[in-house]
Protein backbone atom coordinates (compact mmCIF):
# COMPACT_ATOMS: atom_id res chain seq x y z
CA MET A 1 60.72 50.26 -2.65
CA THR A 2 60.76 49.61 -6.65
CA PRO A 3 61.17 52.59 -8.97
CA VAL A 4 58.30 53.80 -10.74
CA GLN A 5 57.78 52.05 -14.08
CA THR A 6 55.99 53.65 -17.32
CA PRO A 7 52.97 52.76 -18.76
CA ALA A 8 54.56 51.07 -21.53
CA ALA A 9 56.88 48.58 -19.19
CA LEU A 10 53.96 47.71 -16.94
CA PRO A 11 52.92 44.15 -17.09
CA ALA A 12 49.83 43.20 -19.25
CA GLY A 13 47.82 41.54 -16.29
CA HIS A 14 48.10 44.77 -14.34
CA ALA A 15 46.75 46.67 -17.43
CA ALA A 16 44.08 44.36 -18.09
CA ALA A 17 42.77 44.93 -14.68
CA LEU A 18 42.91 48.17 -14.97
CA SER A 19 40.94 48.69 -18.75
CA ILE A 20 38.58 45.88 -17.32
CA TRP A 21 36.46 47.32 -14.52
CA PRO A 22 35.90 50.96 -15.95
CA HIS A 23 34.43 49.15 -18.75
CA VAL A 24 32.06 47.20 -16.89
CA ARG A 25 30.97 49.91 -14.96
CA ARG A 26 29.88 51.87 -18.56
CA LEU A 27 28.17 49.20 -19.99
CA ALA A 28 26.06 48.02 -17.26
CA VAL A 29 23.07 48.90 -18.09
CA LEU A 30 23.43 48.05 -21.80
CA ALA A 31 24.93 44.47 -20.83
CA ALA A 32 21.90 44.46 -18.67
CA LEU A 33 19.35 45.19 -21.45
CA TRP A 34 20.81 42.78 -23.62
CA ALA A 35 20.96 39.94 -20.88
CA GLY A 36 17.34 41.05 -20.39
CA ILE A 37 15.95 40.52 -23.79
CA VAL A 38 18.16 37.04 -23.97
CA GLY A 39 16.92 35.50 -21.29
CA TRP A 40 13.06 36.35 -21.64
CA LEU A 41 13.32 34.80 -25.37
CA GLY A 42 15.17 31.99 -23.88
CA TRP A 43 12.46 31.40 -21.10
CA LEU A 44 9.67 31.75 -24.01
CA LEU A 45 11.36 28.84 -26.10
CA TYR A 46 11.67 26.62 -22.60
CA SER A 47 8.95 27.30 -21.46
CA ARG A 48 7.12 26.38 -25.17
CA ALA A 49 9.57 23.05 -25.18
CA THR A 50 8.87 21.91 -21.81
CA TRP A 51 4.67 22.61 -21.26
CA ALA A 52 3.66 19.26 -22.62
CA ARG A 53 6.08 16.66 -20.54
CA GLU A 54 4.94 18.55 -16.88
CA ALA A 55 1.85 18.15 -18.01
CA ASP A 56 2.31 14.59 -19.50
CA GLU A 57 3.93 14.28 -15.85
CA ALA A 58 1.56 15.69 -13.92
CA ASP A 59 -1.14 13.60 -15.01
CA VAL A 60 0.77 10.31 -14.04
CA ARG A 61 1.39 11.87 -10.71
CA GLU A 62 -2.44 12.09 -10.37
CA TRP A 63 -2.77 9.01 -11.96
CA LEU A 64 -0.66 7.21 -9.82
CA SER A 65 -2.02 9.26 -6.43
CA GLU A 66 -6.07 9.02 -6.83
CA THR A 67 -6.40 5.93 -8.52
CA ARG A 68 -8.10 3.42 -6.44
CA VAL A 69 -8.29 -0.07 -7.50
CA PHE A 70 -10.37 -1.24 -4.35
CA ARG A 71 -10.43 0.86 -1.30
CA LYS A 72 -7.17 2.47 -0.88
CA ALA A 73 -5.11 4.57 -3.39
CA LEU A 74 -1.32 3.24 -4.07
CA PRO A 75 0.07 6.07 -1.67
CA GLU A 76 -2.38 4.99 0.65
CA LEU A 77 -0.71 1.10 0.87
CA VAL A 78 2.44 2.14 0.57
CA GLU A 79 1.87 4.52 3.75
CA ASP A 80 0.64 1.32 5.42
CA TYR A 81 3.56 -0.91 4.32
CA VAL A 82 6.17 1.97 5.84
CA GLU A 83 4.39 1.63 8.81
CA LEU A 84 4.57 -2.41 8.92
CA MET A 85 8.32 -2.15 7.90
CA ASP A 86 8.86 0.54 11.00
CA THR A 87 6.85 -1.19 13.66
CA PRO A 88 9.21 -1.45 16.90
CA GLY A 89 10.62 -4.62 17.73
CA GLY A 90 10.50 -5.58 13.62
CA PRO A 91 7.51 -6.47 11.63
CA ASP A 92 4.92 -9.09 11.50
CA PRO A 93 6.10 -11.21 8.44
CA ASP A 94 2.75 -12.68 7.22
CA ARG A 95 1.12 -9.40 7.44
CA LEU A 96 4.35 -7.36 5.91
CA ARG A 97 4.04 -10.17 2.96
CA ALA A 98 0.48 -9.71 2.60
CA LYS A 99 0.85 -6.37 2.66
CA HIS A 100 3.17 -6.70 -0.06
CA ASP A 101 1.02 -9.06 -2.29
CA GLU A 102 -1.82 -6.05 -2.08
CA ILE A 103 0.30 -3.55 -3.80
CA GLU A 104 2.03 -5.83 -5.97
CA ALA A 105 -1.72 -6.56 -6.86
CA HIS A 106 -2.65 -3.08 -7.32
CA LEU A 107 0.46 -2.11 -9.48
CA SER A 108 -0.65 -4.99 -11.96
CA ALA A 109 -4.47 -3.64 -11.83
CA LEU A 110 -2.90 -0.10 -12.57
CA THR A 111 -0.77 -1.19 -15.42
CA GLU A 112 -3.81 -3.61 -16.77
CA PRO A 113 -5.35 -0.93 -19.48
CA THR A 114 -2.50 0.49 -20.27
CA ARG A 115 -0.95 -2.94 -21.69
CA LYS A 116 -4.00 -4.40 -22.69
CA TYR A 117 -4.96 -1.04 -25.07
CA ALA A 118 -1.19 -0.09 -25.29
CA GLY A 119 -0.82 2.23 -28.85
CA LYS A 120 -4.54 2.53 -29.09
CA LEU A 121 -5.54 5.37 -26.57
CA PRO A 122 -3.64 8.26 -27.17
CA LEU A 123 -4.35 9.61 -23.28
CA PHE A 124 -2.89 6.28 -22.09
CA PRO A 125 1.13 6.08 -21.83
CA ASP A 126 2.87 2.87 -21.79
CA VAL A 127 4.23 1.50 -18.85
CA TYR A 128 7.19 -0.13 -18.38
CA SER A 129 7.89 -0.17 -14.45
CA LEU A 130 6.09 0.35 -11.64
CA SER A 131 7.65 0.35 -8.48
CA VAL A 132 8.11 1.20 -4.85
CA GLU A 133 11.40 2.27 -3.81
CA TYR A 134 12.49 1.87 0.30
CA PRO A 135 16.20 2.50 0.05
CA GLY A 136 18.26 1.02 2.36
CA VAL A 137 15.83 -1.24 3.85
CA PRO A 138 16.00 -4.74 2.58
CA PRO A 139 12.48 -6.36 1.56
CA PRO A 140 10.27 -8.43 3.70
CA SER A 141 11.72 -11.97 4.35
CA GLY A 142 10.36 -14.46 1.52
CA ARG A 143 10.59 -11.47 -1.24
CA THR A 144 13.88 -10.63 -3.12
CA VAL A 145 12.53 -7.19 -4.07
CA HIS A 146 10.21 -4.14 -2.87
CA PRO A 147 6.43 -4.33 -4.60
CA ALA A 148 7.07 -3.62 -8.40
CA TRP A 149 5.57 -4.77 -11.62
CA ARG A 150 7.60 -4.98 -14.84
CA SER A 151 6.22 -4.71 -18.19
CA PRO A 152 6.76 -8.00 -20.71
CA LEU A 153 7.20 -5.71 -23.53
CA PRO A 154 10.21 -4.66 -24.68
CA ARG A 155 11.90 -1.13 -24.27
CA PRO A 156 11.89 0.75 -27.63
CA ILE A 157 15.08 2.16 -28.95
CA SER A 158 16.31 4.89 -27.04
CA ASP A 159 15.64 7.95 -29.91
CA GLY A 160 14.32 11.19 -29.42
CA LYS A 161 10.71 10.21 -30.65
CA ALA A 162 10.49 7.10 -28.16
CA ARG A 163 12.55 8.58 -24.87
CA VAL A 164 11.27 6.52 -21.53
CA ARG A 165 10.75 9.16 -19.32
CA VAL A 166 10.76 8.24 -15.64
CA VAL A 167 8.50 10.25 -12.56
CA GLU A 168 9.06 9.64 -9.04
CA CYS A 169 6.58 11.19 -6.18
CA PRO A 170 6.57 10.29 -2.15
CA ALA A 171 4.21 7.99 -0.92
CA GLY A 172 1.25 10.32 0.46
CA GLY A 173 1.30 10.56 3.96
CA THR A 174 4.07 8.89 4.40
CA ALA A 175 6.02 11.13 7.41
CA THR A 176 9.43 10.18 7.12
CA GLY A 177 9.34 10.45 3.12
CA ARG A 178 11.66 7.35 3.06
CA ALA A 179 9.18 5.62 0.68
CA PHE A 180 8.26 6.86 -2.60
CA ILE A 181 6.52 5.79 -6.04
CA ARG A 182 8.95 5.01 -9.58
CA CYS A 183 6.84 5.03 -12.62
CA GLU A 184 9.01 4.49 -16.13
CA TYR A 185 6.84 5.19 -18.80
CA ARG A 186 6.41 6.85 -22.78
CA VAL A 187 4.16 8.94 -24.17
CA HIS A 188 3.28 7.21 -27.32
CA THR A 189 1.16 9.87 -29.22
CA ASN A 190 4.16 11.03 -32.02
CA HIS A 191 2.11 13.98 -33.36
CA ARG A 192 2.63 15.60 -30.16
CA PHE A 193 6.37 15.83 -30.39
CA GLU A 194 6.10 16.53 -33.93
CA ASP A 195 4.06 19.46 -33.10
CA GLU A 196 6.83 20.55 -29.95
CA GLN A 197 9.70 20.42 -32.84
CA GLN A 198 7.43 22.42 -35.30
CA SER A 199 6.91 24.94 -32.47
CA GLN A 200 10.94 25.47 -31.38
CA ARG A 201 11.58 25.86 -35.10
CA SER A 202 9.20 28.92 -35.44
CA TRP A 203 10.86 30.35 -32.31
CA GLN A 204 14.30 29.62 -33.21
CA LEU A 205 13.98 32.25 -36.39
CA PRO A 206 12.78 35.34 -34.35
CA LEU A 207 15.20 34.48 -31.67
CA VAL A 208 18.20 34.51 -34.08
CA LEU A 209 17.05 37.87 -35.96
CA VAL A 210 16.61 39.82 -32.95
CA LEU A 211 20.18 38.57 -31.14
CA VAL A 212 22.10 39.27 -34.18
CA PRO A 213 21.49 43.18 -34.57
CA VAL A 214 21.46 43.30 -30.78
CA THR A 215 25.09 41.69 -30.81
CA VAL A 216 26.30 43.77 -33.37
CA VAL A 217 25.01 46.77 -31.58
CA SER A 218 26.55 45.98 -28.42
CA GLY A 219 30.01 45.12 -29.89
CA PHE A 220 30.44 48.39 -31.68
CA PHE A 221 29.73 50.18 -28.05
CA ALA A 222 31.94 47.74 -26.46
CA VAL A 223 34.91 48.22 -28.93
CA ARG A 224 34.49 51.68 -28.87
CA SER A 225 34.19 52.10 -24.44
CA LEU A 226 37.66 49.67 -24.56
CA ARG A 227 38.97 52.61 -26.89
CA ARG A 228 38.43 55.10 -24.40
CA GLU A 229 39.19 53.57 -21.67
CA ARG A 230 42.41 52.51 -22.86
CA GLU A 231 43.88 55.78 -22.98
CA HIS A 232 42.32 56.77 -19.72
CA ALA A 233 44.01 53.55 -17.94
CA GLN A 234 47.63 54.31 -19.38
CA ALA A 235 47.81 57.64 -17.99
CA ALA A 236 46.33 56.46 -14.19
CA LEU A 237 48.68 53.10 -14.71
CA ALA A 238 51.84 54.56 -12.97
CA VAL A 239 50.21 56.28 -10.02
CA GLU A 240 47.83 53.01 -9.17
CA HIS A 241 51.35 51.03 -9.16
CA ARG A 242 52.90 53.08 -6.65
CA GLU A 243 49.93 52.97 -4.14
CA ARG A 244 49.64 49.01 -5.14
CA GLU A 245 53.56 48.63 -3.56
CA LEU A 246 52.73 50.43 -0.31
CA LEU A 247 49.39 48.65 -0.21
CA GLN A 248 51.46 45.44 -0.76
CA ALA A 249 53.82 46.42 2.17
CA ARG A 250 51.58 46.86 4.54
CA VAL A 251 49.54 43.79 3.71
CA GLN A 252 52.52 41.68 4.43
CA THR A 253 53.01 43.18 8.03
CA GLN A 254 49.69 42.48 8.75
CA GLU A 255 49.95 38.92 7.31
CA ALA A 256 52.57 38.42 9.46
CA GLU A 257 50.97 39.10 12.63
CA GLN A 258 47.69 37.48 11.39
CA GLU A 259 50.24 34.43 11.36
CA ALA A 260 51.44 34.76 14.62
CA GLU A 261 47.90 35.09 15.96
CA ARG A 262 46.69 31.92 13.96
CA ALA A 263 49.73 30.30 15.79
CA ALA A 264 48.65 31.22 19.17
CA ARG A 265 45.28 30.29 18.56
CA ALA A 266 46.17 27.00 17.02
CA ALA A 267 48.44 26.12 19.97
CA GLU A 268 44.83 27.01 22.28
CA GLU A 269 42.75 24.83 20.41
CA LEU A 270 45.27 21.61 20.36
CA GLN A 271 45.27 22.04 24.28
CA ARG A 272 41.36 22.30 24.25
CA ARG A 273 40.86 19.34 21.76
CA VAL A 274 43.38 17.07 24.11
CA LEU A 275 41.23 18.51 27.69
CA GLU A 276 37.75 17.57 25.50
CA GLY A 277 39.71 13.74 24.96
CA GLU A 278 40.48 13.08 28.08
CA LEU A 279 36.84 14.55 29.34
CA GLU A 280 34.94 12.19 26.70
CA LYS A 281 37.47 9.53 27.74
CA ALA A 282 36.35 9.62 31.16
CA LYS A 283 32.60 9.55 30.05
CA ILE A 284 33.37 6.86 27.80
CA GLU A 285 34.49 4.64 31.31
CA GLY A 286 31.86 6.03 32.89
CA ARG A 287 29.35 4.72 30.93
CA ALA A 288 30.89 1.50 30.59
CA ALA A 289 31.22 0.95 33.94
CA GLU A 290 26.79 1.86 34.51
CA ALA A 291 26.34 -0.37 31.68
CA GLU A 292 28.12 -3.30 33.51
CA ARG A 293 26.30 -2.19 36.59
CA SER A 294 23.12 -2.78 34.74
CA ALA A 295 23.83 -5.94 33.22
CA LEU A 296 24.95 -7.20 37.24
CA GLU A 297 21.56 -5.41 38.38
CA MET A 298 19.34 -7.19 35.42
CA LYS A 299 20.95 -10.64 35.81
CA SER A 300 20.21 -10.21 39.73
CA GLN A 301 16.40 -9.20 39.01
CA LEU A 302 16.45 -12.44 36.50
CA TYR A 303 17.18 -15.09 39.06
CA ALA A 304 15.05 -13.07 41.87
CA SER A 305 12.14 -13.50 39.64
CA ILE A 306 12.88 -16.99 38.99
CA GLY A 307 13.59 -18.02 42.59
CA ILE A 308 9.97 -16.43 43.10
CA MET A 309 8.37 -17.90 40.54
CA ALA A 310 10.11 -21.63 42.09
CA GLY A 311 8.97 -20.78 45.44
CA SER A 312 5.30 -20.59 43.99
CA TYR A 313 5.41 -23.28 42.37
CA ALA A 314 7.04 -25.94 45.19
CA HIS A 315 4.56 -24.44 47.67
CA ASN A 316 1.48 -25.56 45.02
CA ILE A 317 3.02 -29.03 44.54
CA LYS A 318 3.57 -29.49 47.80
CA ASN A 319 -0.12 -28.74 48.86
CA LEU A 320 -1.00 -31.08 46.01
CA LEU A 321 1.18 -34.16 47.35
CA VAL A 322 -0.28 -33.81 50.79
CA ARG A 323 -3.96 -35.60 50.00
CA PRO A 324 -1.96 -38.11 48.07
CA ASN A 325 0.39 -39.09 51.24
CA ASP A 326 -2.49 -39.35 53.48
CA LEU A 327 -4.42 -40.99 51.50
CA LEU A 328 -1.65 -43.51 50.72
CA ALA A 329 -0.98 -43.50 55.03
CA ARG A 330 -4.92 -44.73 55.59
CA CYS A 331 -4.67 -47.25 52.40
CA ILE A 332 -1.34 -49.03 53.97
CA GLU A 333 -2.90 -49.48 57.37
CA THR A 334 -6.08 -50.84 56.59
CA ASP A 335 -6.48 -54.67 56.82
CA GLY A 336 -7.41 -56.98 54.02
CA MET A 337 -4.83 -56.09 51.18
CA THR A 338 -2.38 -58.41 49.46
CA ARG A 339 0.81 -58.16 49.58
CA GLU A 340 1.88 -57.13 45.95
CA GLN A 341 -1.15 -54.39 46.89
CA ALA A 342 0.40 -53.19 49.70
CA GLY A 343 3.71 -53.58 47.88
CA MET A 344 2.47 -51.21 45.04
CA LEU A 345 1.10 -48.62 47.63
CA HIS A 346 5.08 -48.76 49.64
CA GLU A 347 6.36 -48.06 45.82
CA VAL A 348 4.15 -45.46 44.92
CA ARG A 349 4.68 -43.65 48.44
CA SER A 350 8.25 -44.01 47.93
CA THR A 351 8.02 -42.62 44.78
CA LEU A 352 6.00 -39.43 46.00
CA GLY A 353 8.87 -39.05 48.50
CA THR A 354 11.63 -39.23 45.79
CA VAL A 355 9.32 -36.40 43.81
CA THR A 356 9.41 -34.12 46.83
CA GLU A 357 13.15 -34.48 47.48
CA ARG A 358 13.61 -33.89 43.70
CA LEU A 359 11.59 -31.07 43.77
CA GLN A 360 13.62 -29.71 46.79
CA GLN A 361 16.73 -30.17 44.85
CA ILE A 362 15.79 -28.41 41.77
CA LEU A 363 14.46 -25.61 44.24
CA ARG A 364 17.84 -25.20 45.53
CA THR A 365 19.65 -25.24 42.25
CA ILE A 366 17.16 -22.46 40.41
CA ARG A 367 16.80 -19.99 43.79
CA ARG A 368 20.95 -19.97 43.60
CA ASP A 369 22.37 -17.58 41.14
CA PRO A 370 24.84 -19.39 39.07
CA ASN A 371 27.34 -16.80 39.45
CA ARG A 372 27.70 -17.89 43.54
CA ALA A 373 28.22 -21.50 42.86
CA GLU A 374 29.25 -24.11 45.31
CA MET A 375 32.63 -25.77 43.39
CA THR A 376 33.22 -29.13 44.66
CA ARG A 377 34.89 -32.17 42.61
CA VAL A 378 32.22 -33.56 39.99
CA ASP A 379 32.41 -36.48 37.97
CA LEU A 380 30.78 -35.93 34.83
CA THR A 381 30.93 -39.89 33.93
CA GLU A 382 28.82 -40.10 36.95
CA LEU A 383 26.58 -36.85 36.36
CA VAL A 384 25.62 -38.30 33.00
CA ARG A 385 24.90 -41.94 33.74
CA GLU A 386 22.61 -40.46 36.40
CA THR A 387 20.98 -38.24 34.38
CA HIS A 388 20.44 -41.22 31.89
CA ARG A 389 19.24 -43.37 34.43
CA THR A 390 17.00 -40.47 35.78
CA TRP A 391 15.31 -40.02 32.42
CA ALA A 392 15.49 -42.91 29.92
CA ASP A 393 12.36 -44.94 30.68
CA MET A 394 10.30 -41.57 30.94
CA ALA A 395 11.70 -40.95 27.50
CA TRP A 396 10.68 -44.56 25.75
CA GLU A 397 7.85 -44.39 27.54
CA LYS A 398 5.74 -40.88 27.46
CA TRP A 399 8.07 -39.14 25.11
CA LYS A 400 8.66 -41.69 22.71
CA VAL A 401 11.79 -40.77 22.58
CA ARG A 402 14.82 -43.36 22.60
CA PHE A 403 17.65 -42.09 25.00
CA THR A 404 21.06 -43.41 25.35
CA ALA A 405 24.28 -42.53 26.66
CA ASP A 406 27.94 -43.44 25.68
CA LEU A 407 30.45 -43.09 28.88
CA PRO A 408 34.05 -43.50 29.36
CA ALA A 409 35.55 -46.24 30.68
CA GLY A 410 36.89 -44.09 33.48
CA PRO A 411 35.86 -40.38 35.55
CA LEU A 412 35.95 -37.39 34.03
CA ALA A 413 36.42 -34.84 37.22
CA VAL A 414 35.90 -30.86 36.79
CA SER A 415 35.84 -28.46 39.34
CA GLY A 416 31.97 -27.05 39.37
CA ASP A 417 28.88 -26.92 41.33
CA LEU A 418 26.62 -30.19 41.02
CA SER A 419 23.55 -29.06 41.03
CA HIS A 420 24.19 -25.83 38.22
CA LEU A 421 25.46 -28.63 35.82
CA GLN A 422 23.14 -31.32 36.60
CA GLN A 423 20.32 -28.34 35.80
CA ALA A 424 22.40 -27.26 32.92
CA VAL A 425 22.82 -31.03 30.99
CA GLU A 426 18.83 -31.35 31.83
CA ASN A 427 18.23 -28.70 29.99
CA LEU A 428 19.64 -29.12 27.43
CA VAL A 429 18.11 -33.10 27.23
CA PHE A 430 14.82 -31.22 27.43
CA ASN A 431 15.49 -28.81 24.51
CA ALA A 432 16.00 -31.53 22.75
CA ARG A 433 13.08 -33.63 23.41
CA ASP A 434 11.11 -30.32 22.29
CA ALA A 435 13.01 -30.60 18.98
CA THR A 436 12.32 -34.39 18.40
CA PHE A 437 8.57 -33.08 19.35
CA GLU A 438 9.05 -30.46 16.31
CA MET A 439 10.02 -32.88 13.83
CA ARG A 440 7.30 -35.13 14.25
CA ASN A 441 4.85 -32.46 14.01
CA HIS A 442 6.88 -30.89 10.46
CA LEU A 443 6.36 -34.61 9.24
CA ARG A 444 3.15 -34.90 9.75
CA GLU A 445 2.19 -31.45 8.57
CA GLU A 446 4.47 -32.34 5.47
CA ALA A 447 2.48 -35.33 4.60
CA ARG A 448 -1.15 -33.68 4.86
CA ARG A 449 0.27 -30.76 2.82
CA ASN A 450 1.82 -32.82 0.22
CA PRO A 451 -0.09 -32.09 -2.94
CA GLY A 452 1.69 -34.58 -5.01
CA LEU A 453 0.10 -37.99 -3.26
CA ASP A 454 -3.13 -39.30 -3.43
CA ALA A 455 -5.29 -40.70 -0.63
CA THR A 456 -3.05 -44.14 -0.32
CA GLY A 457 0.42 -41.89 -0.20
CA ARG A 458 -0.51 -39.79 2.28
CA LYS A 459 -2.40 -42.29 4.73
CA GLN A 460 1.26 -43.95 4.23
CA ARG A 461 3.26 -41.03 4.76
CA LEU A 462 0.87 -39.97 8.00
CA ILE A 463 1.77 -43.64 9.19
CA GLU A 464 5.11 -43.11 8.77
CA ALA A 465 5.29 -39.85 10.42
CA ALA A 466 3.61 -41.27 13.37
CA SER A 467 5.95 -43.99 13.78
CA TRP A 468 9.17 -42.03 13.70
CA LYS A 469 10.69 -42.03 16.63
CA GLY A 470 13.33 -39.46 17.95
CA GLU A 471 16.93 -39.96 19.51
CA VAL A 472 18.50 -38.20 22.11
CA ARG A 473 22.06 -39.46 22.56
CA LEU A 474 24.70 -38.08 25.59
CA ARG A 475 28.11 -38.51 25.32
CA ALA A 476 31.07 -38.13 27.13
CA ARG A 477 34.86 -38.01 26.76
CA ARG A 478 38.22 -36.73 27.06
CA GLU A 479 40.01 -34.28 25.04
CA GLY A 480 43.72 -33.28 26.44
CA ASP A 481 43.30 -31.19 29.49
CA VAL A 482 39.45 -30.81 28.75
CA ALA A 483 36.12 -32.91 29.23
CA VAL A 484 34.12 -32.88 26.17
CA LEU A 485 30.21 -33.32 26.93
CA GLU A 486 27.41 -33.80 23.99
CA VAL A 487 23.94 -33.75 23.88
CA GLN A 488 22.91 -34.78 20.22
CA ASP A 489 19.44 -35.31 18.97
CA ASN A 490 17.43 -35.97 15.51
CA GLY A 491 14.59 -33.18 15.85
CA VAL A 492 13.82 -30.35 13.61
CA GLY A 493 17.13 -28.50 13.86
CA MET A 494 17.72 -25.02 13.80
CA THR A 495 18.27 -21.78 11.28
CA ALA A 496 21.32 -19.94 11.29
CA GLU A 497 19.26 -16.79 12.90
CA VAL A 498 18.20 -19.02 15.52
CA ARG A 499 21.52 -20.79 16.27
CA ASP A 500 22.85 -16.79 16.63
CA ASN A 501 19.92 -15.91 19.20
CA CYS A 502 19.05 -19.02 21.03
CA LEU A 503 21.38 -17.90 23.94
CA LYS A 504 19.83 -14.89 24.72
CA THR A 505 17.42 -14.27 27.73
CA HIS A 506 13.69 -14.78 26.43
CA PHE A 507 14.26 -15.79 23.28
CA THR A 508 12.26 -18.82 22.29
CA THR A 509 10.50 -20.62 18.82
CA LYS A 510 8.28 -22.84 20.61
CA ARG A 511 5.71 -20.08 21.66
CA ASP A 512 5.17 -19.95 17.87
CA ASN A 513 4.48 -23.54 17.68
CA ALA A 514 1.55 -24.11 20.50
CA LEU A 515 2.44 -27.42 22.52
CA TYR A 516 4.45 -30.23 22.19
CA GLU A 517 2.93 -33.64 23.15
CA GLY A 518 0.95 -31.59 26.06
CA TYR A 519 4.29 -29.78 27.33
CA SER A 520 3.44 -26.24 27.42
CA ALA A 521 6.05 -23.33 25.20
CA GLY A 522 8.85 -22.41 26.96
CA MET A 523 10.03 -19.07 27.91
CA GLY A 524 13.10 -18.64 26.74
CA LEU A 525 15.21 -19.00 30.15
CA GLY A 526 16.66 -22.77 29.59
CA LEU A 527 19.46 -22.29 27.17
CA SER A 528 20.31 -18.50 28.69
CA PHE A 529 21.01 -20.64 32.53
CA VAL A 530 23.00 -23.00 30.75
CA ALA A 531 25.28 -20.16 29.18
CA VAL A 532 25.51 -18.43 32.62
CA VAL A 533 26.51 -21.98 34.44
CA LEU A 534 29.23 -22.45 31.85
CA GLU A 535 30.33 -18.80 31.70
CA HIS A 536 31.02 -19.20 35.01
CA HIS A 537 32.64 -22.49 35.17
CA GLY A 538 35.06 -21.70 32.37
CA ALA A 539 33.55 -23.60 30.05
CA THR A 540 32.07 -23.05 26.07
CA LEU A 541 29.15 -24.02 23.87
CA GLU A 542 29.58 -24.92 20.38
CA ILE A 543 26.69 -25.90 18.82
CA GLU A 544 26.24 -27.43 14.77
CA SER A 545 22.55 -27.63 13.92
CA ALA A 546 20.64 -27.19 10.28
CA PRO A 547 17.11 -26.95 9.41
CA PHE A 548 15.68 -30.75 9.47
CA ARG A 549 18.75 -32.17 10.20
CA GLY A 550 18.82 -31.98 14.26
CA ALA A 551 21.00 -30.63 16.67
CA VAL A 552 24.34 -30.76 18.38
CA PHE A 553 25.22 -28.80 21.31
CA ARG A 554 28.61 -30.00 22.53
CA ILE A 555 30.34 -28.75 26.04
CA ARG A 556 34.07 -28.24 26.68
CA ILE A 557 34.90 -27.75 30.51
CA PRO A 558 38.35 -28.04 31.78
CA LEU A 559 39.27 -31.13 33.81
CA ALA A 560 40.40 -30.35 37.92
CA GLU A 561 43.81 -29.99 38.33
CA ASN A 562 45.17 -33.70 39.44
CA GLU A 563 42.65 -35.59 36.50
CA ALA A 564 44.28 -32.77 33.72
CA ALA A 565 48.03 -33.43 35.31
CA ARG A 566 47.15 -37.69 34.65
């Protein structure tokens, strides 16, 4: 053990530690009394200095919360706005913009008296900004910020008498507390500020007169106590130093034991974390497998539903075709018809037979899951040619669309399901047809609503819109080891958001656009069916489109092995 040191030889830190604590104990009562007096005086000074500002803030909050321009106060309008923003499935853009405009009108109406009588009414503050803050949530479409009002008046120079204050209060009954109202204002009555300054100066002199004597007396007693405690501390310093050395030795022994225990616990904790990691990994793998099974079940349910609907439609159409076929048979058996009439009736009967056969083919295609396709050798050149031959006349006569096809000189053989590929191409053609209908409607509405046109100009624009013709073009070509098939139109095009979501099941924009030339709006199944078919064939789909600039759907599908080797 280290030899005992004399009090004079002990370190200065030890001597200070021994002298501080007894002094603190002896002067605790005096220090508490002094602290109480200083705290009481400080509280009086602070309350006198801040009561006017707190009163102003309370008045502004009451003005924001209780003022009603028409039926509802501002917090109630903000609560309606937040409920629209948090609507499950996304807010209604039109209702959200209407509520946005209503709040902005309310803010403008609130600040109109303060702006109209700025500097004239002493109880009216100068409002520089009044806004609804909704952190972390973007404003509605078509708006850059949430509802706000900014004063056209310049802000005052930042000094003591013209300080702009900020008040923030929650939006009424909003449960989540995510929205609040923010107001930047200035009380323009300068005499109130001067009174506050004068009040502060009147309290400073008594405060100084009280604190100086108290501090002098406290210092005197503190110095005298320090001298007494120093004499007692030096006498007990040697004994305490020896006891401290013994305690340090015991503490070191205990620390060594604790370090060993911590090492053992650390090893156990590490082993526990490894086991938890393995368990979490097993849970993640189980959830992934469950998600995959759920996706497969959803796909099976989707195609089962499509098959049920298709069967119902086919049954109804067959029932409708029974009576026309019977009537045609009776007319053909009737005597006295000319050869031309008989030929037309036979052509109608043949057409009905083709319709029935085509209906059966479509029914078989829809009922079969694209994941269970019947793979054969398919010539894409012939498929495009047959699609163009089937729909070209109807496209021009009924749809008012020019339907053309650009074909390569030779065949493009791929391995795939003919029925599925044919249905996928026709879905893209019908999608292009609908896009041209939307474009024609857009041109008509643009001509009707253009305020810069007179009656003659509007009539000319309507004539041009009516004479506008849609174009749908099919292209097929070979690029290396893949066959490329494109469906291009000059229709209304797609935004980036629609382009990113158009392949999702049940996603469609046609429900919002009513009917297209007599054709019902879609159910969002066509392009999702195309995506599933192409995925099973190892093909890719590229989409190029912009609003009002048409669209190009480009399919890249690997050529058959013998075809790719050429």
